[in-house]
PDB file of N, CA and C in Angstrom:
ATOM      1  N   MET A   1       0.646  11.129 -13.431  1.00  0.00           N
ATOM      2  CA  MET A   1       1.488   9.694 -13.450  1.00  0.00           C
ATOM      3  C   MET A   1       1.341  10.415 -11.628  1.00  0.00           C
ATOM      4  N   ILE A   2       1.215   9.352 -10.879  1.00  0.00           N
ATOM      5  CA  ILE A   2       2.152   9.173  -9.678  1.00  0.00           C
ATOM      6  C   ILE A   2       2.980   8.545  -8.794  1.00  0.00           C
ATOM      7  N   GLU A   3       3.659   8.939  -8.481  1.00  0.00           N
ATOM      8  CA  GLU A   3       4.521   7.716  -8.420  1.00  0.00           C
ATOM      9  C   GLU A   3       4.711   7.716  -6.746  1.00  0.00           C
ATOM     10  N   LEU A   4       4.521   6.484  -6.202  1.00  0.00           N
ATOM     11  CA  LEU A   4       4.770   6.469  -4.808  1.00  0.00           C
ATOM     12  C   LEU A   4       5.989   5.459  -4.191  1.00  0.00           C
ATOM     13  N   HIS A   5       6.245   5.700  -2.866  1.00  0.00           N
ATOM     14  CA  HIS A   5       7.416   4.956  -2.292  1.00  0.00           C
ATOM     15  C   HIS A   5       6.368   4.022  -1.549  1.00  0.00           C
ATOM     16  N   LEU A   6       6.369   2.421  -1.562  1.00  0.00           N
ATOM     17  CA  LEU A   6       5.844   1.640  -0.926  1.00  0.00           C
ATOM     18  C   LEU A   6       6.643   1.047   0.124  1.00  0.00           C
ATOM     19  N   THR A   7       6.364   0.730   1.297  1.00  0.00           N
ATOM     20  CA  THR A   7       7.063  -0.296   2.004  1.00  0.00           C
ATOM     21  C   THR A   7       6.046  -1.144   2.800  1.00  0.00           C
ATOM     22  N   PHE A   8       6.486  -2.369   2.383  1.00  0.00           N
ATOM     23  CA  PHE A   8       5.733  -3.817   3.002  1.00  0.00           C
ATOM     24  C   PHE A   8       6.419  -3.587   4.765  1.00  0.00           C
ATOM     25  N   TYR A   9       5.213  -4.455   5.571  1.00  0.00           N
ATOM     26  CA  TYR A   9       5.469  -5.157   6.574  1.00  0.00           C
ATOM     27  C   TYR A   9       4.991  -6.185   7.196  1.00  0.00           C
ATOM     28  N   GLY A  10       5.608  -6.973   7.805  1.00  0.00           N
ATOM     29  CA  GLY A  10       5.170  -8.291   8.532  1.00  0.00           C
ATOM     30  C   GLY A  10       5.025  -9.625   7.070  1.00  0.00           C
ATOM     31  N   VAL A  11       3.603  -9.963   7.298  1.00  0.00           N
ATOM     32  CA  VAL A  11       3.706 -11.148   6.066  1.00  0.00           C
ATOM     33  C   VAL A  11       3.253 -10.802   4.813  1.00  0.00           C
ATOM     34  N   LEU A  12       3.298  -9.289   4.434  1.00  0.00           N
ATOM     35  CA  LEU A  12       3.124  -8.213   3.076  1.00  0.00           C
ATOM     36  C   LEU A  12       4.507  -8.487   2.557  1.00  0.00           C
ATOM     37  N   LYS A  13       5.753  -8.194   3.512  1.00  0.00           N
ATOM     38  CA  LYS A  13       7.171  -8.286   3.303  1.00  0.00           C
ATOM     39  C   LYS A  13       7.879  -9.842   2.574  1.00  0.00           C
ATOM     40  N   GLN A  14       6.619 -10.268   3.838  1.00  0.00           N
ATOM     41  CA  GLN A  14       7.171 -11.959   2.893  1.00  0.00           C
ATOM     42  C   GLN A  14       6.781 -12.395   1.819  1.00  0.00           C
ATOM     43  N   GLU A  15       5.239 -11.903   1.546  1.00  0.00           N
ATOM     44  CA  GLU A  15       4.643 -12.405   0.404  1.00  0.00           C
ATOM     45  C   GLU A  15       4.888 -12.009  -0.833  1.00  0.00           C
ATOM     46  N   MET A  16       5.553 -10.457  -0.361  1.00  0.00           N
ATOM     47  CA  MET A  16       6.173 -10.094  -2.110  1.00  0.00           C
ATOM     48  C   MET A  16       7.581 -10.096  -2.121  1.00  0.00           C
ATOM     49  N   GLY A  17       8.287 -10.439  -0.697  1.00  0.00           N
ATOM     50  CA  GLY A  17       9.549 -11.055  -1.175  1.00  0.00           C
ATOM     51  C   GLY A  17      10.333  -9.558  -1.809  1.00  0.00           C
ATOM     52  N   ILE A  18      10.136  -8.520  -1.263  1.00  0.00           N
ATOM     53  CA  ILE A  18      10.749  -7.460  -1.356  1.00  0.00           C
ATOM     54  C   ILE A  18      10.012  -6.469   0.408  1.00  0.00           C
ATOM     55  N   ARG A  19      11.096  -5.355   0.540  1.00  0.00           N
ATOM     56  CA  ARG A  19      10.204  -4.578   1.318  1.00  0.00           C
ATOM     57  C   ARG A  19      10.037  -3.165   0.977  1.00  0.00           C
ATOM     58  N   THR A  20      10.384  -2.858  -0.182  1.00  0.00           N
ATOM     59  CA  THR A  20      10.014  -1.429  -0.644  1.00  0.00           C
ATOM     60  C   THR A  20       9.872  -1.330  -2.291  1.00  0.00           C
ATOM     61  N   LEU A  21       8.598  -0.689  -2.787  1.00  0.00           N
ATOM     62  CA  LEU A  21       8.868  -0.937  -4.120  1.00  0.00           C
ATOM     63  C   LEU A  21       8.128   0.494  -4.436  1.00  0.00           C
ATOM     64  N   VAL A  22       8.857   1.172  -5.954  1.00  0.00           N
ATOM     65  CA  VAL A  22       8.347   2.603  -6.560  1.00  0.00           C
ATOM     66  C   VAL A  22       7.469   1.774  -7.610  1.00  0.00           C
ATOM     67  N   PHE A  23       5.903   2.317  -7.296  1.00  0.00           N
ATOM     68  CA  PHE A  23       4.877   1.861  -7.402  1.00  0.00           C
ATOM     69  C   PHE A  23       4.052   2.871  -8.190  1.00  0.00           C
ATOM     70  N   THR A  24       3.798   3.202  -9.854  1.00  0.00           N
ATOM     71  CA  THR A  24       3.431   4.207 -10.489  1.00  0.00           C
ATOM     72  C   THR A  24       1.763   4.272 -10.500  1.00  0.00           C
ATOM     73  N   LEU A  25       1.133   4.968 -10.586  1.00  0.00           N
ATOM     74  CA  LEU A  25      -0.496   5.017 -10.707  1.00  0.00           C
ATOM     75  C   LEU A  25      -0.658   5.804 -12.129  1.00  0.00           C
ATOM     76  N   LEU A  26      -1.256   5.741 -12.477  1.00  0.00           N
ATOM     77  CA  LEU A  26      -1.297   6.771 -14.279  1.00  0.00           C
ATOM     78  C   LEU A  26      -3.258   7.378 -14.156  1.00  0.00           C
ATOM     79  N   ASP A  27      -3.595   7.372 -12.518  1.00  0.00           N
ATOM     80  CA  ASP A  27      -5.015   8.270 -12.186  1.00  0.00           C
ATOM     81  C   ASP A  27      -4.629   9.482 -12.125  1.00  0.00           C
ATOM     82  N   PRO A  28      -5.147  10.643 -12.241  1.00  0.00           N
ATOM     83  CA  PRO A  28      -5.240  11.611 -12.405  1.00  0.00           C
ATOM     84  C   PRO A  28      -5.390  12.416 -10.548  1.00  0.00           C
ATOM     85  N   ALA A  29      -6.069  11.546  -9.880  1.00  0.00           N
ATOM     86  CA  ALA A  29      -5.973  12.229  -8.401  1.00  0.00           C
ATOM     87  C   ALA A  29      -6.481  10.596  -7.535  1.00  0.00           C
ATOM     88  N   PRO A  30      -5.257   9.470  -7.502  1.00  0.00           N
ATOM     89  CA  PRO A  30      -5.744   8.370  -6.753  1.00  0.00           C
ATOM     90  C   PRO A  30      -5.611   8.514  -5.289  1.00  0.00           C
ATOM     91  N   THR A  31      -6.396   7.531  -4.597  1.00  0.00           N
ATOM     92  CA  THR A  31      -6.671   7.503  -2.908  1.00  0.00           C
ATOM     93  C   THR A  31      -6.229   6.099  -3.004  1.00  0.00           C
ATOM     94  N   ILE A  32      -5.927   6.010  -1.438  1.00  0.00           N
ATOM     95  CA  ILE A  32      -5.419   4.604  -0.978  1.00  0.00           C
ATOM     96  C   ILE A  32      -6.285   3.677  -1.802  1.00  0.00           C
ATOM     97  N   ALA A  33      -7.443   3.691  -1.773  1.00  0.00           N
ATOM     98  CA  ALA A  33      -8.140   2.888  -1.895  1.00  0.00           C
ATOM     99  C   ALA A  33      -7.658   2.355  -3.789  1.00  0.00           C
ATOM    100  N   ASP A  34      -7.747   3.526  -4.380  1.00  0.00           N
ATOM    101  CA  ASP A  34      -7.054   3.121  -5.916  1.00  0.00           C
ATOM    102  C   ASP A  34      -6.174   2.568  -5.543  1.00  0.00           C
ATOM    103  N   MET A  35      -5.000   2.521  -5.065  1.00  0.00           N
ATOM    104  CA  MET A  35      -3.631   2.352  -4.929  1.00  0.00           C
ATOM    105  C   MET A  35      -3.659   0.689  -4.922  1.00  0.00           C
ATOM    106  N   ALA A  36      -4.676   0.518  -3.643  1.00  0.00           N
ATOM    107  CA  ALA A  36      -4.800  -0.901  -3.343  1.00  0.00           C
ATOM    108  C   ALA A  36      -5.236  -2.016  -4.305  1.00  0.00           C
ATOM    109  N   GLU A  37      -6.535  -1.053  -5.364  1.00  0.00           N
ATOM    110  CA  GLU A  37      -7.411  -1.795  -6.097  1.00  0.00           C
ATOM    111  C   GLU A  37      -5.825  -2.061  -7.208  1.00  0.00           C
ATOM    112  N   ARG A  38      -5.045  -1.334  -7.707  1.00  0.00           N
ATOM    113  CA  ARG A  38      -3.907  -1.602  -8.565  1.00  0.00           C
ATOM    114  C   ARG A  38      -3.205  -2.827  -8.115  1.00  0.00           C
ATOM    115  N   LEU A  39      -2.415  -2.732  -6.908  1.00  0.00           N
ATOM    116  CA  LEU A  39      -1.916  -3.503  -6.055  1.00  0.00           C
ATOM    117  C   LEU A  39      -2.303  -5.207  -6.278  1.00  0.00           C
ATOM    118  N   LYS A  40      -3.592  -5.085  -5.878  1.00  0.00           N
ATOM    119  CA  LYS A  40      -4.203  -6.247  -6.066  1.00  0.00           C
ATOM    120  C   LYS A  40      -4.549  -6.861  -7.726  1.00  0.00           C
ATOM    121  N   ALA A  41      -4.290  -6.062  -8.363  1.00  0.00           N
ATOM    122  CA  ALA A  41      -4.435  -6.354 -10.189  1.00  0.00           C
ATOM    123  C   ALA A  41      -3.009  -6.881 -10.256  1.00  0.00           C
ATOM    124  N   TYR A  42      -1.765  -5.731  -9.983  1.00  0.00           N
ATOM    125  CA  TYR A  42      -0.746  -6.372 -10.265  1.00  0.00           C
ATOM    126  C   TYR A  42       0.091  -7.513  -9.402  1.00  0.00           C
ATOM    127  N   TYR A  43      -0.475  -8.055  -8.322  1.00  0.00           N
ATOM    128  CA  TYR A  43      -0.330  -8.796  -7.044  1.00  0.00           C
ATOM    129  C   TYR A  43      -1.273  -9.481  -6.780  1.00  0.00           C
ATOM    130  N   PRO A  44      -1.668 -10.606  -7.434  1.00  0.00           N
ATOM    131  CA  PRO A  44      -3.385 -11.060  -6.839  1.00  0.00           C
ATOM    132  C   PRO A  44      -2.985 -11.916  -5.983  1.00  0.00           C
ATOM    133  N   THR A  45      -2.107 -12.175  -4.911  1.00  0.00           N
ATOM    134  CA  THR A  45      -1.576 -13.015  -4.057  1.00  0.00           C
ATOM    135  C   THR A  45      -2.041 -12.346  -2.415  1.00  0.00           C
ATOM    136  N   LEU A  46      -1.518 -10.842  -2.810  1.00  0.00           N
ATOM    137  CA  LEU A  46      -1.940 -10.259  -1.855  1.00  0.00           C
ATOM    138  C   LEU A  46      -3.639  -9.545  -1.353  1.00  0.00           C
ATOM    139  N   SER A  47      -4.413  -9.659  -2.490  1.00  0.00           N
ATOM    140  CA  SER A  47      -5.683  -9.373  -2.549  1.00  0.00           C
ATOM    141  C   SER A  47      -6.398 -10.037  -1.206  1.00  0.00           C
ATOM    142  N   GLU A  48      -6.127 -10.896  -0.395  1.00  0.00           N
ATOM    143  CA  GLU A  48      -6.784 -11.624   0.696  1.00  0.00           C
ATOM    144  C   GLU A  48      -6.190 -10.888   2.217  1.00  0.00           C
ATOM    145  N   ARG A  49      -4.775 -10.617   1.679  1.00  0.00           N
ATOM    146  CA  ARG A  49      -4.267  -9.749   2.804  1.00  0.00           C
ATOM    147  C   ARG A  49      -4.601  -8.571   3.218  1.00  0.00           C
ATOM    148  N   LEU A  50      -5.039  -7.814   1.729  1.00  0.00           N
ATOM    149  CA  LEU A  50      -5.030  -6.195   1.676  1.00  0.00           C
ATOM    150  C   LEU A  50      -6.334  -5.829   2.616  1.00  0.00           C
ATOM    151  N   VAL A  51      -7.398  -6.521   2.850  1.00  0.00           N
ATOM    152  CA  VAL A  51      -8.627  -6.556   3.283  1.00  0.00           C
ATOM    153  C   VAL A  51      -8.349  -5.931   4.684  1.00  0.00           C
ATOM    154  N   SER A  52      -6.935  -6.514   5.380  1.00  0.00           N
ATOM    155  CA  SER A  52      -6.929  -6.241   6.871  1.00  0.00           C
ATOM    156  C   SER A  52      -5.708  -5.093   7.123  1.00  0.00           C
ATOM    157  N   VAL A  53      -5.017  -4.830   5.953  1.00  0.00           N
ATOM    158  CA  VAL A  53      -3.909  -3.429   5.919  1.00  0.00           C
ATOM    159  C   VAL A  53      -4.744  -2.403   6.508  1.00  0.00           C
ATOM    160  N   ALA A  54      -3.840  -1.423   7.714  1.00  0.00           N
ATOM    161  CA  ALA A  54      -3.646  -0.273   7.969  1.00  0.00           C
ATOM    162  C   ALA A  54      -2.286   0.557   6.711  1.00  0.00           C
ATOM    163  N   TYR A  55      -2.878   1.606   6.593  1.00  0.00           N
ATOM    164  CA  TYR A  55      -2.269   2.337   5.459  1.00  0.00           C
ATOM    165  C   TYR A  55      -1.827   3.655   6.650  1.00  0.00           C
ATOM    166  N   ALA A  56      -0.132   3.922   6.245  1.00  0.00           N
ATOM    167  CA  ALA A  56       0.028   4.978   6.646  1.00  0.00           C
ATOM    168  C   ALA A  56       0.546   5.930   5.267  1.00  0.00           C
ATOM    169  N   VAL A  57       0.433   7.022   5.156  1.00  0.00           N
ATOM    170  CA  VAL A  57       1.177   8.042   4.138  1.00  0.00           C
ATOM    171  C   VAL A  57       1.897   8.948   4.745  1.00  0.00           C
ATOM    172  N   ASN A  58       3.094   8.767   4.513  1.00  0.00           N
ATOM    173  CA  ASN A  58       4.178  10.045   5.279  1.00  0.00           C
ATOM    174  C   ASN A  58       4.173   9.703   6.308  1.00  0.00           C
ATOM    175  N   ASP A  59       3.756   8.584   6.831  1.00  0.00           N
ATOM    176  CA  ASP A  59       4.273   8.211   8.794  1.00  0.00           C
ATOM    177  C   ASP A  59       2.844   8.912   9.438  1.00  0.00           C
ATOM    178  N   VAL A  60       1.715   9.005   8.501  1.00  0.00           N
ATOM    179  CA  VAL A  60       0.345   9.305   9.281  1.00  0.00           C
ATOM    180  C   VAL A  60      -0.396   8.417   9.009  1.00  0.00           C
ATOM    181  N   LEU A  61      -1.363   7.690   9.988  1.00  0.00           N
ATOM    182  CA  LEU A  61      -2.421   6.843   9.424  1.00  0.00           C
ATOM    183  C   LEU A  61      -3.095   7.107   8.724  1.00  0.00           C
ATOM    184  N   VAL A  62      -4.103   6.674   7.851  1.00  0.00           N
ATOM    185  CA  VAL A  62      -4.791   7.397   7.151  1.00  0.00           C
ATOM    186  C   VAL A  62      -6.007   6.018   6.282  1.00  0.00           C
ATOM    187  N   HIS A  63      -7.256   7.132   6.330  1.00  0.00           N
ATOM    188  CA  HIS A  63      -8.505   6.260   5.888  1.00  0.00           C
ATOM    189  C   HIS A  63      -8.148   5.620   4.356  1.00  0.00           C
ATOM    190  N   LEU A  64      -9.102   4.707   4.050  1.00  0.00           N
ATOM    191  CA  LEU A  64      -8.874   4.408   2.350  1.00  0.00           C
ATOM    192  C   LEU A  64      -9.116   5.591   1.322  1.00  0.00           C
ATOM    193  N   SER A  65      -9.836   6.692   1.703  1.00  0.00           N
ATOM    194  CA  SER A  65     -10.161   7.821   0.887  1.00  0.00           C
ATOM    195  C   SER A  65      -9.183   8.670   0.591  1.00  0.00           C
ATOM    196  N   HIS A  66      -7.759   8.522   1.512  1.00  0.00           N
ATOM    197  CA  HIS A  66      -6.963   9.722   1.276  1.00  0.00           C
ATOM    198  C   HIS A  66      -6.163   9.910  -0.151  1.00  0.00           C
ATOM    199  N   PRO A  67      -6.199  10.933  -0.252  1.00  0.00           N
ATOM    200  CA  PRO A  67      -5.429  11.434  -1.193  1.00  0.00           C
ATOM    201  C   PRO A  67      -4.195  11.202  -1.687  1.00  0.00           C
ATOM    202  N   LEU A  68      -3.689  10.382  -2.081  1.00  0.00           N
ATOM    203  CA  LEU A  68      -2.127  10.004  -2.690  1.00  0.00           C
ATOM    204  C   LEU A  68      -1.436  11.351  -3.709  1.00  0.00           C
ATOM    205  N   GLN A  69      -0.595  11.656  -3.309  1.00  0.00           N
ATOM    206  CA  GLN A  69       0.363  12.702  -4.260  1.00  0.00           C
ATOM    207  C   GLN A  69       1.518  12.077  -4.663  1.00  0.00           C
ATOM    208  N   SER A  70       2.234  12.428  -5.900  1.00  0.00           N
ATOM    209  CA  SER A  70       3.648  11.797  -6.400  1.00  0.00           C
ATOM    210  C   SER A  70       4.768  11.970  -5.476  1.00  0.00           C
ATOM    211  N   GLY A  71       5.374  10.854  -4.878  1.00  0.00           N
ATOM    212  CA  GLY A  71       6.425  11.365  -3.927  1.00  0.00           C
ATOM    213  C   GLY A  71       5.825  10.500  -2.678  1.00  0.00           C
ATOM    214  N   ASP A  72       4.510  10.654  -2.303  1.00  0.00           N
ATOM    215  CA  ASP A  72       4.193   9.470  -1.106  1.00  0.00           C
ATOM    216  C   ASP A  72       4.790   8.888  -0.858  1.00  0.00           C
ATOM    217  N   GLN A  73       5.006   8.586   0.686  1.00  0.00           N
ATOM    218  CA  GLN A  73       5.774   7.441   1.617  1.00  0.00           C
ATOM    219  C   GLN A  73       4.618   6.628   2.010  1.00  0.00           C
ATOM    220  N   VAL A  74       3.733   5.498   1.716  1.00  0.00           N
ATOM    221  CA  VAL A  74       2.748   4.733   1.793  1.00  0.00           C
ATOM    222  C   VAL A  74       3.357   3.320   2.658  1.00  0.00           C
ATOM    223  N   ALA A  75       3.175   3.304   3.733  1.00  0.00           N
ATOM    224  CA  ALA A  75       3.628   2.096   4.500  1.00  0.00           C
ATOM    225  C   ALA A  75       2.587   1.225   4.510  1.00  0.00           C
ATOM    226  N   LEU A  76       2.344  -0.276   4.143  1.00  0.00           N
ATOM    227  CA  LEU A  76       1.308  -1.040   4.182  1.00  0.00           C
ATOM    228  C   LEU A  76       1.551  -1.830   5.740  1.00  0.00           C
ATOM    229  N   LEU A  77       0.568  -1.777   6.472  1.00  0.00           N
ATOM    230  CA  LEU A  77       1.157  -2.326   7.952  1.00  0.00           C
ATOM    231  C   LEU A  77      -0.286  -3.314   8.111  1.00  0.00           C
ATOM    232  N   PRO A  78       0.184  -4.936   8.157  1.00  0.00           N
ATOM    233  CA  PRO A  78      -0.989  -6.007   8.200  1.00  0.00           C
ATOM    234  C   PRO A  78      -0.728  -5.781   9.923  1.00  0.00           C
ATOM    235  N   PRO A  79      -2.081  -6.627  10.448  1.00  0.00           N
ATOM    236  CA  PRO A  79      -2.206  -6.480  11.807  1.00  0.00           C
ATOM    237  C   PRO A  79      -1.372  -7.476  12.215  1.00  0.00           C
ATOM    238  N   VAL A  80      -1.095  -6.992  13.825  1.00  0.00           N
ATOM    239  CA  VAL A  80       0.018  -7.771  14.502  1.00  0.00           C
ATOM    240  C   VAL A  80      -1.231  -8.615  15.785  1.00  0.00           C
ATOM    241  N   SER A  81      -0.533  -9.843  15.999  1.00  0.00           N
ATOM    242  CA  SER A  81      -0.689 -10.632  17.035  1.00  0.00           C
ATOM    243  C   SER A  81       0.135 -11.259  17.505  1.00  0.00           C
ATOM    244  N   GLY A  82       0.192 -11.686  18.725  1.00  0.00           N
ATOM    245  CA  GLY A  82       1.354 -11.859  19.578  1.00  0.00           C
ATOM    246  C   GLY A  82       0.963 -12.405  20.997  1.00  0.00           C
ATOM    247  N   GLY A  83       1.903 -12.616  21.689  1.00  0.00           N
ATOM    248  CA  GLY A  83       1.357 -12.878  23.158  1.00  0.00           C
ATOM    249  C   GLY A  83       2.148 -13.420  24.376  1.00  0.00           C
TER     250      GLY A  83
END
């Protein structure tokens, strides 16, 4: 069992109604992609938004294939626009 500490930013924070979440995965060797799929299953309203999200694990930007370990801090970073 892998326990992750998720932090949501921008529209994801608004969509979730919370900034942080402790999220547990039962997969023996999960990746960011696995985590994203589980999030979509638990929170279907996030499905469209997660397509364009960047992920940081322990303050380092990572790819979807990045392996996760229990205790990792995972930031979900939506695209930002402005002008």
